[in-house]
């Protein structure tokens, strides 16, 4: 239920699109049609449910500076080690337009696991 609270906060500004970075099943689109899921899974796989095929990596971030009016990422940017937490947060913020809104939730367990490798 918590993600829906924050997604509703994104909806308050009536954005034309809300991007879900690392959408996985793209489950929120079922409830909010103007969500655009961005996913890196193999597009021919039965596990691919994104609207846009792309990996949210450094190149993606650099190409989407000040891009999003409204976007979120829930437990998807976990492929960074915990030592890069500041970088992850600043990168996320850098993709938000002035007066835009974003919601970021991170999986710290996965980030800690990455730091150990």
PDB file of N, CA and C in Angstrom:
ATOM      1  N   UNK A   1       0.811  -1.189   0.000  1.00  0.00           N
ATOM      2  CA  UNK A   1       0.000   0.000   0.000  1.00  0.00           C
ATOM      3  C   UNK A   1       0.860   1.261   0.000  1.00  0.00           C
ATOM      4  N   UNK A   2       2.026   1.196   0.605  1.00  0.00           N
ATOM      5  CA  UNK A   2       2.876   2.379   0.694  1.00  0.00           C
ATOM      6  C   UNK A   2       3.224   2.959  -0.677  1.00  0.00           C
ATOM      7  N   UNK A   3       3.605   2.137  -1.667  1.00  0.00           N
ATOM      8  CA  UNK A   3       3.893   2.737  -2.977  1.00  0.00           C
ATOM      9  C   UNK A   3       2.705   3.521  -3.553  1.00  0.00           C
ATOM     10  N   UNK A   4       1.494   3.045  -3.324  1.00  0.00           N
ATOM     11  CA  UNK A   4       0.331   3.764  -3.854  1.00  0.00           C
ATOM     12  C   UNK A   4       0.165   5.132  -3.197  1.00  0.00           C
ATOM     13  N   UNK A   5       0.521   5.244  -1.931  1.00  0.00           N
ATOM     14  CA  UNK A   5       0.472   6.548  -1.264  1.00  0.00           C
ATOM     15  C   UNK A   5       1.377   7.534  -2.005  1.00  0.00           C
ATOM     16  N   UNK A   6       2.606   7.122  -2.277  1.00  0.00           N
ATOM     17  CA  UNK A   6       3.562   8.018  -2.926  1.00  0.00           C
ATOM     18  C   UNK A   6       3.232   8.234  -4.400  1.00  0.00           C
ATOM     19  N   UNK A   7       2.736   7.232  -5.062  1.00  0.00           N
ATOM     20  CA  UNK A   7       2.324   7.416  -6.456  1.00  0.00           C
ATOM     21  C   UNK A   7       1.158   8.396  -6.517  1.00  0.00           C
ATOM     22  N   UNK A   8       0.237   8.331  -5.577  1.00  0.00           N
ATOM     23  CA  UNK A   8      -0.850   9.309  -5.532  1.00  0.00           C
ATOM     24  C   UNK A   8      -0.316  10.719  -5.337  1.00  0.00           C
ATOM     25  N   UNK A   9       0.765  10.855  -4.578  1.00  0.00           N
ATOM     26  CA  UNK A   9       1.399  12.182  -4.431  1.00  0.00           C
ATOM     27  C   UNK A   9       1.949  12.654  -5.776  1.00  0.00           C
ATOM     28  N   UNK A  10       2.471  11.737  -6.569  1.00  0.00           N
ATOM     29  CA  UNK A  10       2.948  12.100  -7.902  1.00  0.00           C
ATOM     30  C   UNK A  10       1.784  12.547  -8.790  1.00  0.00           C
ATOM     31  N   UNK A  11       0.642  11.908  -8.615  1.00  0.00           N
ATOM     32  CA  UNK A  11      -0.537  12.219  -9.430  1.00  0.00           C
ATOM     33  C   UNK A  11      -1.140  13.595  -9.111  1.00  0.00           C
ATOM     34  N   UNK A  12      -0.826  14.150  -7.958  1.00  0.00           N
ATOM     35  CA  UNK A  12      -1.409  15.435  -7.544  1.00  0.00           C
ATOM     36  C   UNK A  12      -1.129  16.565  -8.535  1.00  0.00           C
ATOM     37  N   UNK A  13      -0.025  16.479  -9.250  1.00  0.00           N
ATOM     38  CA  UNK A  13       0.307  17.533 -10.219  1.00  0.00           C
ATOM     39  C   UNK A  13      -0.237  17.222 -11.610  1.00  0.00           C
ATOM     40  N   UNK A  14      -1.010  16.145 -11.724  1.00  0.00           N
ATOM     41  CA  UNK A  14      -1.641  15.746 -12.974  1.00  0.00           C
ATOM     42  C   UNK A  14      -0.641  15.604 -14.131  1.00  0.00           C
ATOM     43  N   UNK A  15       0.412  14.800 -13.945  1.00  0.00           N
ATOM     44  CA  UNK A  15       1.397  14.632 -15.023  1.00  0.00           C
ATOM     45  C   UNK A  15       0.815  13.824 -16.181  1.00  0.00           C
ATOM     46  N   UNK A  16       1.312  14.110 -17.369  1.00  0.00           N
ATOM     47  CA  UNK A  16       0.842  13.348 -18.532  1.00  0.00           C
ATOM     48  C   UNK A  16       1.367  11.912 -18.483  1.00  0.00           C
ATOM     49  N   UNK A  17       2.568  11.751 -17.937  1.00  0.00           N
ATOM     50  CA  UNK A  17       3.182  10.423 -17.793  1.00  0.00           C
ATOM     51  C   UNK A  17       3.910  10.349 -16.460  1.00  0.00           C
ATOM     52  N   UNK A  18       3.930   9.169 -15.899  1.00  0.00           N
ATOM     53  CA  UNK A  18       4.730   8.879 -14.708  1.00  0.00           C
ATOM     54  C   UNK A  18       5.612   7.691 -15.079  1.00  0.00           C
ATOM     55  N   UNK A  19       6.901   7.874 -15.024  1.00  0.00           N
ATOM     56  CA  UNK A  19       7.830   6.812 -15.397  1.00  0.00           C
ATOM     57  C   UNK A  19       8.173   5.947 -14.190  1.00  0.00           C
ATOM     58  N   UNK A  20       8.163   4.651 -14.406  1.00  0.00           N
ATOM     59  CA  UNK A  20       8.546   3.666 -13.397  1.00  0.00           C
ATOM     60  C   UNK A  20       9.881   3.074 -13.836  1.00  0.00           C
ATOM     61  N   UNK A  21      10.967   3.536 -13.222  1.00  0.00           N
ATOM     62  CA  UNK A  21      12.309   3.082 -13.591  1.00  0.00           C
ATOM     63  C   UNK A  21      12.600   1.745 -12.923  1.00  0.00           C
ATOM     64  N   UNK A  22      12.774   0.718 -13.740  1.00  0.00           N
ATOM     65  CA  UNK A  22      12.965  -0.633 -13.222  1.00  0.00           C
ATOM     66  C   UNK A  22      11.632  -1.251 -12.864  1.00  0.00           C
ATOM     67  N   UNK A  23      10.703  -1.206 -13.784  1.00  0.00           N
ATOM     68  CA  UNK A  23       9.291  -1.523 -13.524  1.00  0.00           C
ATOM     69  C   UNK A  23       8.989  -2.981 -13.197  1.00  0.00           C
ATOM     70  N   UNK A  24       9.894  -3.916 -13.523  1.00  0.00           N
ATOM     71  CA  UNK A  24       9.598  -5.320 -13.251  1.00  0.00           C
ATOM     72  C   UNK A  24       8.309  -5.753 -13.944  1.00  0.00           C
ATOM     73  N   UNK A  25       7.324  -6.147 -13.176  1.00  0.00           N
ATOM     74  CA  UNK A  25       6.045  -6.597 -13.736  1.00  0.00           C
ATOM     75  C   UNK A  25       5.216  -5.443 -14.278  1.00  0.00           C
ATOM     76  N   UNK A  26       5.624  -4.221 -14.027  1.00  0.00           N
ATOM     77  CA  UNK A  26       4.867  -3.026 -14.446  1.00  0.00           C
ATOM     78  C   UNK A  26       3.456  -3.063 -13.847  1.00  0.00           C
ATOM     79  N   UNK A  27       3.373  -3.539 -12.617  1.00  0.00           N
ATOM     80  CA  UNK A  27       2.096  -3.789 -11.952  1.00  0.00           C
ATOM     81  C   UNK A  27       1.287  -2.522 -11.709  1.00  0.00           C
ATOM     82  N   UNK A  28       1.963  -1.393 -11.479  1.00  0.00           N
ATOM     83  CA  UNK A  28       1.229  -0.164 -11.170  1.00  0.00           C
ATOM     84  C   UNK A  28       0.466   0.377 -12.374  1.00  0.00           C
ATOM     85  N   UNK A  29       0.899   0.002 -13.578  1.00  0.00           N
ATOM     86  CA  UNK A  29       0.211   0.441 -14.799  1.00  0.00           C
ATOM     87  C   UNK A  29      -1.212  -0.124 -14.856  1.00  0.00           C
ATOM     88  N   UNK A  30      -1.417  -1.249 -14.216  1.00  0.00           N
ATOM     89  CA  UNK A  30      -2.748  -1.853 -14.170  1.00  0.00           C
ATOM     90  C   UNK A  30      -3.747  -0.898 -13.506  1.00  0.00           C
ATOM     91  N   UNK A  31      -3.264  -0.107 -12.563  1.00  0.00           N
ATOM     92  CA  UNK A  31      -4.123   0.792 -11.797  1.00  0.00           C
ATOM     93  C   UNK A  31      -4.037   2.246 -12.262  1.00  0.00           C
ATOM     94  N   UNK A  32      -2.910   2.608 -12.864  1.00  0.00           N
ATOM     95  CA  UNK A  32      -2.689   3.985 -13.308  1.00  0.00           C
ATOM     96  C   UNK A  32      -2.154   3.916 -14.739  1.00  0.00           C
ATOM     97  N   UNK A  33      -3.029   4.066 -15.728  1.00  0.00           N
ATOM     98  CA  UNK A  33      -2.653   3.834 -17.128  1.00  0.00           C
ATOM     99  C   UNK A  33      -1.553   4.741 -17.676  1.00  0.00           C
ATOM    100  N   UNK A  34      -1.346   5.936 -17.112  1.00  0.00           N
ATOM    101  CA  UNK A  34      -0.329   6.816 -17.690  1.00  0.00           C
ATOM    102  C   UNK A  34       1.080   6.533 -17.147  1.00  0.00           C
ATOM    103  N   UNK A  35       1.233   5.412 -16.479  1.00  0.00           N
ATOM    104  CA  UNK A  35       2.576   4.974 -16.062  1.00  0.00           C
ATOM    105  C   UNK A  35       3.285   4.360 -17.262  1.00  0.00           C
ATOM    106  N   UNK A  36       4.556   4.733 -17.419  1.00  0.00           N
ATOM    107  CA  UNK A  36       5.399   4.191 -18.477  1.00  0.00           C
ATOM    108  C   UNK A  36       6.498   3.390 -17.792  1.00  0.00           C
ATOM    109  N   UNK A  37       6.470   2.085 -17.977  1.00  0.00           N
ATOM    110  CA  UNK A  37       7.448   1.212 -17.351  1.00  0.00           C
ATOM    111  C   UNK A  37       8.724   1.124 -18.156  1.00  0.00           C
ATOM    112  N   UNK A  38       9.853   1.288 -17.486  1.00  0.00           N
ATOM    113  CA  UNK A  38      11.173   1.150 -18.103  1.00  0.00           C
ATOM    114  C   UNK A  38      11.821  -0.083 -17.490  1.00  0.00           C
ATOM    115  N   UNK A  39      12.164  -1.050 -18.332  1.00  0.00           N
ATOM    116  CA  UNK A  39      12.729  -2.294 -17.828  1.00  0.00           C
ATOM    117  C   UNK A  39      13.842  -2.813 -18.710  1.00  0.00           C
ATOM    118  N   UNK A  40      14.758  -3.544 -18.102  1.00  0.00           N
ATOM    119  CA  UNK A  40      15.932  -4.039 -18.813  1.00  0.00           C
ATOM    120  C   UNK A  40      15.873  -5.530 -19.124  1.00  0.00           C
ATOM    121  N   UNK A  41      14.786  -6.182 -18.749  1.00  0.00           N
ATOM    122  CA  UNK A  41      14.688  -7.614 -19.029  1.00  0.00           C
ATOM    123  C   UNK A  41      14.714  -7.849 -20.544  1.00  0.00           C
ATOM    124  N   UNK A  42      15.014  -9.058 -20.921  1.00  0.00           N
ATOM    125  CA  UNK A  42      15.024  -9.423 -22.337  1.00  0.00           C
ATOM    126  C   UNK A  42      13.614  -9.243 -22.908  1.00  0.00           C
ATOM    127  N   UNK A  43      13.460  -8.407 -23.943  1.00  0.00           N
ATOM    128  CA  UNK A  43      12.119  -8.148 -24.489  1.00  0.00           C
ATOM    129  C   UNK A  43      11.399  -9.377 -25.042  1.00  0.00           C
ATOM    130  N   UNK A  44      12.122 -10.432 -25.349  1.00  0.00           N
ATOM    131  CA  UNK A  44      11.473 -11.647 -25.849  1.00  0.00           C
ATOM    132  C   UNK A  44      11.107 -12.614 -24.720  1.00  0.00           C
ATOM    133  N   UNK A  45      11.473 -12.248 -23.502  1.00  0.00           N
ATOM    134  CA  UNK A  45      11.206 -13.100 -22.339  1.00  0.00           C
ATOM    135  C   UNK A  45       9.768 -12.941 -21.865  1.00  0.00           C
ATOM    136  N   UNK A  46       9.229 -13.985 -21.262  1.00  0.00           N
ATOM    137  CA  UNK A  46       7.889 -13.895 -20.680  1.00  0.00           C
ATOM    138  C   UNK A  46       7.882 -12.994 -19.449  1.00  0.00           C
ATOM    139  N   UNK A  47       9.066 -12.633 -18.966  1.00  0.00           N
ATOM    140  CA  UNK A  47       9.188 -11.768 -17.789  1.00  0.00           C
ATOM    141  C   UNK A  47       9.292 -10.294 -18.156  1.00  0.00           C
ATOM    142  N   UNK A  48       9.218  -9.982 -19.434  1.00  0.00           N
ATOM    143  CA  UNK A  48       9.312  -8.588 -19.880  1.00  0.00           C
ATOM    144  C   UNK A  48       7.917  -7.966 -19.919  1.00  0.00           C
ATOM    145  N   UNK A  49       7.726  -6.918 -19.121  1.00  0.00           N
ATOM    146  CA  UNK A  49       6.427  -6.252 -19.047  1.00  0.00           C
ATOM    147  C   UNK A  49       6.544  -4.743 -19.211  1.00  0.00           C
ATOM    148  N   UNK A  50       7.718  -4.275 -19.582  1.00  0.00           N
ATOM    149  CA  UNK A  50       7.968  -2.835 -19.692  1.00  0.00           C
ATOM    150  C   UNK A  50       7.348  -2.251 -20.961  1.00  0.00           C
ATOM    151  N   UNK A  51       7.216  -0.948 -20.945  1.00  0.00           N
ATOM    152  CA  UNK A  51       6.809  -0.203 -22.138  1.00  0.00           C
ATOM    153  C   UNK A  51       8.034   0.252 -22.924  1.00  0.00           C
ATOM    154  N   UNK A  52       9.129   0.488 -22.209  1.00  0.00           N
ATOM    155  CA  UNK A  52      10.379   0.955 -22.802  1.00  0.00           C
ATOM    156  C   UNK A  52      11.498   0.027 -22.334  1.00  0.00           C
ATOM    157  N   UNK A  53      12.263  -0.499 -23.295  1.00  0.00           N
ATOM    158  CA  UNK A  53      13.371  -1.367 -22.950  1.00  0.00           C
ATOM    159  C   UNK A  53      14.630  -0.518 -22.761  1.00  0.00           C
ATOM    160  N   UNK A  54      15.112  -0.468 -21.540  1.00  0.00           N
ATOM    161  CA  UNK A  54      16.347   0.263 -21.250  1.00  0.00           C
ATOM    162  C   UNK A  54      16.826  -0.102 -19.852  1.00  0.00           C
ATOM    163  N   UNK A  55      18.113   0.021 -19.634  1.00  0.00           N
ATOM    164  CA  UNK A  55      18.720  -0.219 -18.333  1.00  0.00           C
ATOM    165  C   UNK A  55      19.041   1.135 -17.714  1.00  0.00           C
ATOM    166  N   UNK A  56      18.620   1.341 -16.494  1.00  0.00           N
ATOM    167  CA  UNK A  56      18.890   2.602 -15.804  1.00  0.00           C
ATOM    168  C   UNK A  56      20.308   2.522 -15.224  1.00  0.00           C
ATOM    169  N   UNK A  57      21.266   2.815 -16.089  1.00  0.00           N
ATOM    170  CA  UNK A  57      22.676   2.814 -15.702  1.00  0.00           C
ATOM    171  C   UNK A  57      23.215   4.233 -15.880  1.00  0.00           C
ATOM    172  N   UNK A  58      24.521   4.398 -15.798  1.00  0.00           N
ATOM    173  CA  UNK A  58      25.116   5.729 -15.907  1.00  0.00           C
ATOM    174  C   UNK A  58      24.783   6.403 -17.237  1.00  0.00           C
ATOM    175  N   UNK A  59      24.796   5.647 -18.334  1.00  0.00           N
ATOM    176  CA  UNK A  59      24.452   6.228 -19.641  1.00  0.00           C
ATOM    177  C   UNK A  59      23.006   6.718 -19.664  1.00  0.00           C
ATOM    178  N   UNK A  60      22.118   5.898 -19.144  1.00  0.00           N
ATOM    179  CA  UNK A  60      20.706   6.279 -19.097  1.00  0.00           C
ATOM    180  C   UNK A  60      20.538   7.558 -18.284  1.00  0.00           C
ATOM    181  N   UNK A  61      21.171   7.598 -17.131  1.00  0.00           N
ATOM    182  CA  UNK A  61      21.068   8.768 -16.251  1.00  0.00           C
ATOM    183  C   UNK A  61      21.613  10.007 -16.945  1.00  0.00           C
ATOM    184  N   UNK A  62      22.772   9.891 -17.583  1.00  0.00           N
ATOM    185  CA  UNK A  62      23.354  11.035 -18.287  1.00  0.00           C
ATOM    186  C   UNK A  62      22.462  11.526 -19.425  1.00  0.00           C
ATOM    187  N   UNK A  63      21.745  10.626 -20.065  1.00  0.00           N
ATOM    188  CA  UNK A  63      20.861  11.004 -21.181  1.00  0.00           C
ATOM    189  C   UNK A  63      19.481  11.471 -20.730  1.00  0.00           C
ATOM    190  N   UNK A  64      19.222  11.454 -19.439  1.00  0.00           N
ATOM    191  CA  UNK A  64      17.907  11.854 -18.919  1.00  0.00           C
ATOM    192  C   UNK A  64      18.022  12.925 -17.829  1.00  0.00           C
ATOM    193  N   UNK A  65      19.008  13.778 -17.941  1.00  0.00           N
ATOM    194  CA  UNK A  65      19.168  14.871 -16.989  1.00  0.00           C
ATOM    195  C   UNK A  65      18.004  15.854 -17.124  1.00  0.00           C
ATOM    196  N   UNK A  66      17.415  16.233 -15.995  1.00  0.00           N
ATOM    197  CA  UNK A  66      16.278  17.175 -15.979  1.00  0.00           C
ATOM    198  C   UNK A  66      15.166  16.736 -16.940  1.00  0.00           C
ATOM    199  N   UNK A  67      14.917  15.465 -17.020  1.00  0.00           N
ATOM    200  CA  UNK A  67      14.005  14.891 -18.020  1.00  0.00           C
ATOM    201  C   UNK A  67      12.597  14.637 -17.481  1.00  0.00           C
ATOM    202  N   UNK A  68      12.492  14.071 -16.286  1.00  0.00           N
ATOM    203  CA  UNK A  68      11.211  13.568 -15.816  1.00  0.00           C
ATOM    204  C   UNK A  68      10.415  14.612 -15.042  1.00  0.00           C
ATOM    205  N   UNK A  69       9.179  14.749 -15.437  1.00  0.00           N
ATOM    206  CA  UNK A  69       8.223  15.572 -14.694  1.00  0.00           C
ATOM    207  C   UNK A  69       7.749  14.805 -13.466  1.00  0.00           C
ATOM    208  N   UNK A  70       7.596  13.490 -13.630  1.00  0.00           N
ATOM    209  CA  UNK A  70       7.085  12.635 -12.569  1.00  0.00           C
ATOM    210  C   UNK A  70       7.623  11.221 -12.799  1.00  0.00           C
ATOM    211  N   UNK A  71       8.255  10.662 -11.761  1.00  0.00           N
ATOM    212  CA  UNK A  71       8.849   9.332 -11.921  1.00  0.00           C
ATOM    213  C   UNK A  71       9.102   8.702 -10.562  1.00  0.00           C
ATOM    214  N   UNK A  72       9.295   7.396 -10.588  1.00  0.00           N
ATOM    215  CA  UNK A  72       9.603   6.680  -9.362  1.00  0.00           C
ATOM    216  C   UNK A  72      10.420   5.445  -9.677  1.00  0.00           C
ATOM    217  N   UNK A  73      11.057   4.929  -8.645  1.00  0.00           N
ATOM    218  CA  UNK A  73      11.796   3.685  -8.746  1.00  0.00           C
ATOM    219  C   UNK A  73      11.677   2.994  -7.394  1.00  0.00           C
ATOM    220  N   UNK A  74      11.135   1.795  -7.410  1.00  0.00           N
ATOM    221  CA  UNK A  74      10.903   1.057  -6.175  1.00  0.00           C
ATOM    222  C   UNK A  74      11.759  -0.206  -6.178  1.00  0.00           C
ATOM    223  N   UNK A  75      12.767  -0.216  -5.337  1.00  0.00           N
ATOM    224  CA  UNK A  75      13.642  -1.380  -5.156  1.00  0.00           C
ATOM    225  C   UNK A  75      14.240  -1.889  -6.462  1.00  0.00           C
ATOM    226  N   UNK A  76      14.522  -0.978  -7.386  1.00  0.00           N
ATOM    227  CA  UNK A  76      15.071  -1.394  -8.670  1.00  0.00           C
ATOM    228  C   UNK A  76      16.519  -0.970  -8.867  1.00  0.00           C
ATOM    229  N   UNK A  77      16.960   0.041  -8.165  1.00  0.00           N
ATOM    230  CA  UNK A  77      18.337   0.519  -8.339  1.00  0.00           C
ATOM    231  C   UNK A  77      19.251  -0.118  -7.297  1.00  0.00           C
ATOM    232  N   UNK A  78      19.127  -1.426  -7.143  1.00  0.00           N
ATOM    233  CA  UNK A  78      19.870  -2.160  -6.121  1.00  0.00           C
ATOM    234  C   UNK A  78      21.166  -2.765  -6.641  1.00  0.00           C
ATOM    235  N   UNK A  79      21.500  -2.525  -7.896  1.00  0.00           N
ATOM    236  CA  UNK A  79      22.714  -3.108  -8.433  1.00  0.00           C
ATOM    237  C   UNK A  79      23.942  -2.259  -8.114  1.00  0.00           C
ATOM    238  N   UNK A  80      23.756  -1.195  -7.357  1.00  0.00           N
ATOM    239  CA  UNK A  80      24.866  -0.385  -6.850  1.00  0.00           C
ATOM    240  C   UNK A  80      25.210  -0.840  -5.434  1.00  0.00           C
ATOM    241  N   UNK A  81      26.478  -0.793  -5.056  1.00  0.00           N
ATOM    242  CA  UNK A  81      26.833  -1.111  -3.664  1.00  0.00           C
ATOM    243  C   UNK A  81      26.412   0.021  -2.730  1.00  0.00           C
ATOM    244  N   UNK A  82      26.249  -0.281  -1.468  1.00  0.00           N
ATOM    245  CA  UNK A  82      25.817   0.704  -0.474  1.00  0.00           C
ATOM    246  C   UNK A  82      26.782   1.889  -0.407  1.00  0.00           C
ATOM    247  N   UNK A  83      28.039   1.672  -0.748  1.00  0.00           N
ATOM    248  CA  UNK A  83      29.016   2.766  -0.754  1.00  0.00           C
ATOM    249  C   UNK A  83      28.640   3.852  -1.759  1.00  0.00           C
ATOM    250  N   UNK A  84      27.817   3.496  -2.744  1.00  0.00           N
ATOM    251  CA  UNK A  84      27.386   4.450  -3.774  1.00  0.00           C
ATOM    252  C   UNK A  84      26.010   5.043  -3.484  1.00  0.00           C
ATOM    253  N   UNK A  85      25.553   4.935  -2.245  1.00  0.00           N
ATOM    254  CA  UNK A  85      24.216   5.428  -1.902  1.00  0.00           C
ATOM    255  C   UNK A  85      24.039   6.903  -2.273  1.00  0.00           C
ATOM    256  N   UNK A  86      24.998   7.714  -1.918  1.00  0.00           N
ATOM    257  CA  UNK A  86      24.900   9.144  -2.240  1.00  0.00           C
ATOM    258  C   UNK A  86      24.804   9.346  -3.753  1.00  0.00           C
ATOM    259  N   UNK A  87      25.606   8.616  -4.499  1.00  0.00           N
ATOM    260  CA  UNK A  87      25.591   8.711  -5.962  1.00  0.00           C
ATOM    261  C   UNK A  87      24.206   8.330  -6.509  1.00  0.00           C
ATOM    262  N   UNK A  88      23.634   7.255  -6.000  1.00  0.00           N
ATOM    263  CA  UNK A  88      22.320   6.792  -6.461  1.00  0.00           C
ATOM    264  C   UNK A  88      21.261   7.871  -6.231  1.00  0.00           C
ATOM    265  N   UNK A  89      21.257   8.435  -5.043  1.00  0.00           N
ATOM    266  CA  UNK A  89      20.262   9.455  -4.712  1.00  0.00           C
ATOM    267  C   UNK A  89      20.473  10.707  -5.568  1.00  0.00           C
ATOM    268  N   UNK A  90      21.704  11.166  -5.688  1.00  0.00           N
ATOM    269  CA  UNK A  90      21.976  12.360  -6.494  1.00  0.00           C
ATOM    270  C   UNK A  90      21.669  12.126  -7.977  1.00  0.00           C
ATOM    271  N   UNK A  91      21.968  10.927  -8.474  1.00  0.00           N
ATOM    272  CA  UNK A  91      21.631  10.605  -9.865  1.00  0.00           C
ATOM    273  C   UNK A  91      20.121  10.636 -10.081  1.00  0.00           C
ATOM    274  N   UNK A  92      19.390  10.084  -9.134  1.00  0.00           N
ATOM    275  CA  UNK A  92      17.930  10.082  -9.233  1.00  0.00           C
ATOM    276  C   UNK A  92      17.414  11.523  -9.283  1.00  0.00           C
ATOM    277  N   UNK A  93      17.890  12.340  -8.359  1.00  0.00           N
ATOM    278  CA  UNK A  93      17.464  13.734  -8.306  1.00  0.00           C
ATOM    279  C   UNK A  93      17.821  14.470  -9.586  1.00  0.00           C
ATOM    280  N   UNK A  94      18.965  14.161 -10.167  1.00  0.00           N
ATOM    281  CA  UNK A  94      19.419  14.868 -11.369  1.00  0.00           C
ATOM    282  C   UNK A  94      18.517  14.631 -12.574  1.00  0.00           C
ATOM    283  N   UNK A  95      17.731  13.571 -12.544  1.00  0.00           N
ATOM    284  CA  UNK A  95      16.835  13.284 -13.671  1.00  0.00           C
ATOM    285  C   UNK A  95      15.491  14.000 -13.548  1.00  0.00           C
ATOM    286  N   UNK A  96      15.258  14.646 -12.428  1.00  0.00           N
ATOM    287  CA  UNK A  96      13.976  15.316 -12.178  1.00  0.00           C
ATOM    288  C   UNK A  96      13.999  16.742 -12.714  1.00  0.00           C
ATOM    289  N   UNK A  97      12.961  17.108 -13.459  1.00  0.00           N
ATOM    290  CA  UNK A  97      12.816  18.487 -13.936  1.00  0.00           C
ATOM    291  C   UNK A  97      12.585  19.432 -12.764  1.00  0.00           C
ATOM    292  N   UNK A  98      12.839  20.682 -12.986  1.00  0.00           N
ATOM    293  CA  UNK A  98      12.512  21.699 -11.995  1.00  0.00           C
ATOM    294  C   UNK A  98      11.006  21.637 -11.747  1.00  0.00           C
ATOM    295  N   UNK A  99      10.622  21.607 -10.507  1.00  0.00           N
ATOM    296  CA  UNK A  99       9.232  21.492 -10.060  1.00  0.00           C
ATOM    297  C   UNK A  99       8.638  20.111 -10.343  1.00  0.00           C
ATOM    298  N   UNK A 100       9.480  19.152 -10.731  1.00  0.00           N
ATOM    299  CA  UNK A 100       9.004  17.794 -10.932  1.00  0.00           C
ATOM    300  C   UNK A 100       8.945  17.055  -9.591  1.00  0.00           C
ATOM    301  N   UNK A 101       8.462  15.820  -9.655  1.00  0.00           N
ATOM    302  CA  UNK A 101       8.349  15.000  -8.447  1.00  0.00           C
ATOM    303  C   UNK A 101       8.882  13.605  -8.718  1.00  0.00           C
ATOM    304  N   UNK A 102       9.514  13.039  -7.695  1.00  0.00           N
ATOM    305  CA  UNK A 102      10.016  11.687  -7.796  1.00  0.00           C
ATOM    306  C   UNK A 102       9.873  10.957  -6.474  1.00  0.00           C
ATOM    307  N   UNK A 103       9.857   9.645  -6.559  1.00  0.00           N
ATOM    308  CA  UNK A 103       9.767   8.774  -5.391  1.00  0.00           C
ATOM    309  C   UNK A 103      10.796   7.671  -5.578  1.00  0.00           C
ATOM    310  N   UNK A 104      11.696   7.540  -4.615  1.00  0.00           N
ATOM    311  CA  UNK A 104      12.758   6.546  -4.686  1.00  0.00           C
ATOM    312  C   UNK A 104      12.715   5.672  -3.443  1.00  0.00           C
ATOM    313  N   UNK A 105      12.643   4.373  -3.636  1.00  0.00           N
ATOM    314  CA  UNK A 105      12.750   3.391  -2.551  1.00  0.00           C
ATOM    315  C   UNK A 105      13.883   2.439  -2.933  1.00  0.00           C
ATOM    316  N   UNK A 106      14.741   2.155  -1.979  1.00  0.00           N
ATOM    317  CA  UNK A 106      15.910   1.327  -2.256  1.00  0.00           C
ATOM    318  C   UNK A 106      15.911   0.061  -1.414  1.00  0.00           C
ATOM    319  N   UNK A 107      16.486  -0.995  -1.966  1.00  0.00           N
ATOM    320  CA  UNK A 107      16.641  -2.262  -1.267  1.00  0.00           C
ATOM    321  C   UNK A 107      18.051  -2.294  -0.676  1.00  0.00           C
ATOM    322  N   UNK A 108      18.158  -1.867   0.584  1.00  0.00           N
ATOM    323  CA  UNK A 108      19.475  -1.770   1.208  1.00  0.00           C
ATOM    324  C   UNK A 108      20.154  -3.125   1.354  1.00  0.00           C
ATOM    325  N   UNK A 109      19.398  -4.183   1.571  1.00  0.00           N
ATOM    326  CA  UNK A 109      20.000  -5.516   1.695  1.00  0.00           C
ATOM    327  C   UNK A 109      20.779  -5.866   0.429  1.00  0.00           C
ATOM    328  N   UNK A 110      20.177  -5.638  -0.725  1.00  0.00           N
ATOM    329  CA  UNK A 110      20.875  -5.935  -1.988  1.00  0.00           C
ATOM    330  C   UNK A 110      22.101  -5.042  -2.160  1.00  0.00           C
ATOM    331  N   UNK A 111      21.968  -3.788  -1.738  1.00  0.00           N
ATOM    332  CA  UNK A 111      23.098  -2.860  -1.856  1.00  0.00           C
ATOM    333  C   UNK A 111      24.250  -3.287  -0.931  1.00  0.00           C
ATOM    334  N   UNK A 112      23.925  -3.788   0.259  1.00  0.00           N
ATOM    335  CA  UNK A 112      24.955  -4.302   1.163  1.00  0.00           C
ATOM    336  C   UNK A 112      25.607  -5.542   0.557  1.00  0.00           C
ATOM    337  N   UNK A 113      24.813  -6.413  -0.054  1.00  0.00           N
ATOM    338  CA  UNK A 113      25.355  -7.610  -0.693  1.00  0.00           C
ATOM    339  C   UNK A 113      26.322  -7.233  -1.815  1.00  0.00           C
ATOM    340  N   UNK A 114      25.995  -6.201  -2.575  1.00  0.00           N
ATOM    341  CA  UNK A 114      26.876  -5.746  -3.652  1.00  0.00           C
ATOM    342  C   UNK A 114      28.199  -5.236  -3.111  1.00  0.00           C
ATOM    343  N   UNK A 115      28.174  -4.619  -1.945  1.00  0.00           N
ATOM    344  CA  UNK A 115      29.393  -4.089  -1.337  1.00  0.00           C
ATOM    345  C   UNK A 115      30.332  -5.208  -0.907  1.00  0.00           C
ATOM    346  N   UNK A 116      29.790  -6.363  -0.622  1.00  0.00           N
ATOM    347  CA  UNK A 116      30.593  -7.495  -0.150  1.00  0.00           C
ATOM    348  C   UNK A 116      31.260  -8.235  -1.302  1.00  0.00           C
ATOM    349  N   UNK A 117      30.816  -8.018  -2.516  1.00  0.00           N
ATOM    350  CA  UNK A 117      31.368  -8.741  -3.678  1.00  0.00           C
ATOM    351  C   UNK A 117      32.606  -8.068  -4.232  1.00  0.00           C
TER     352      UNK A 117
END
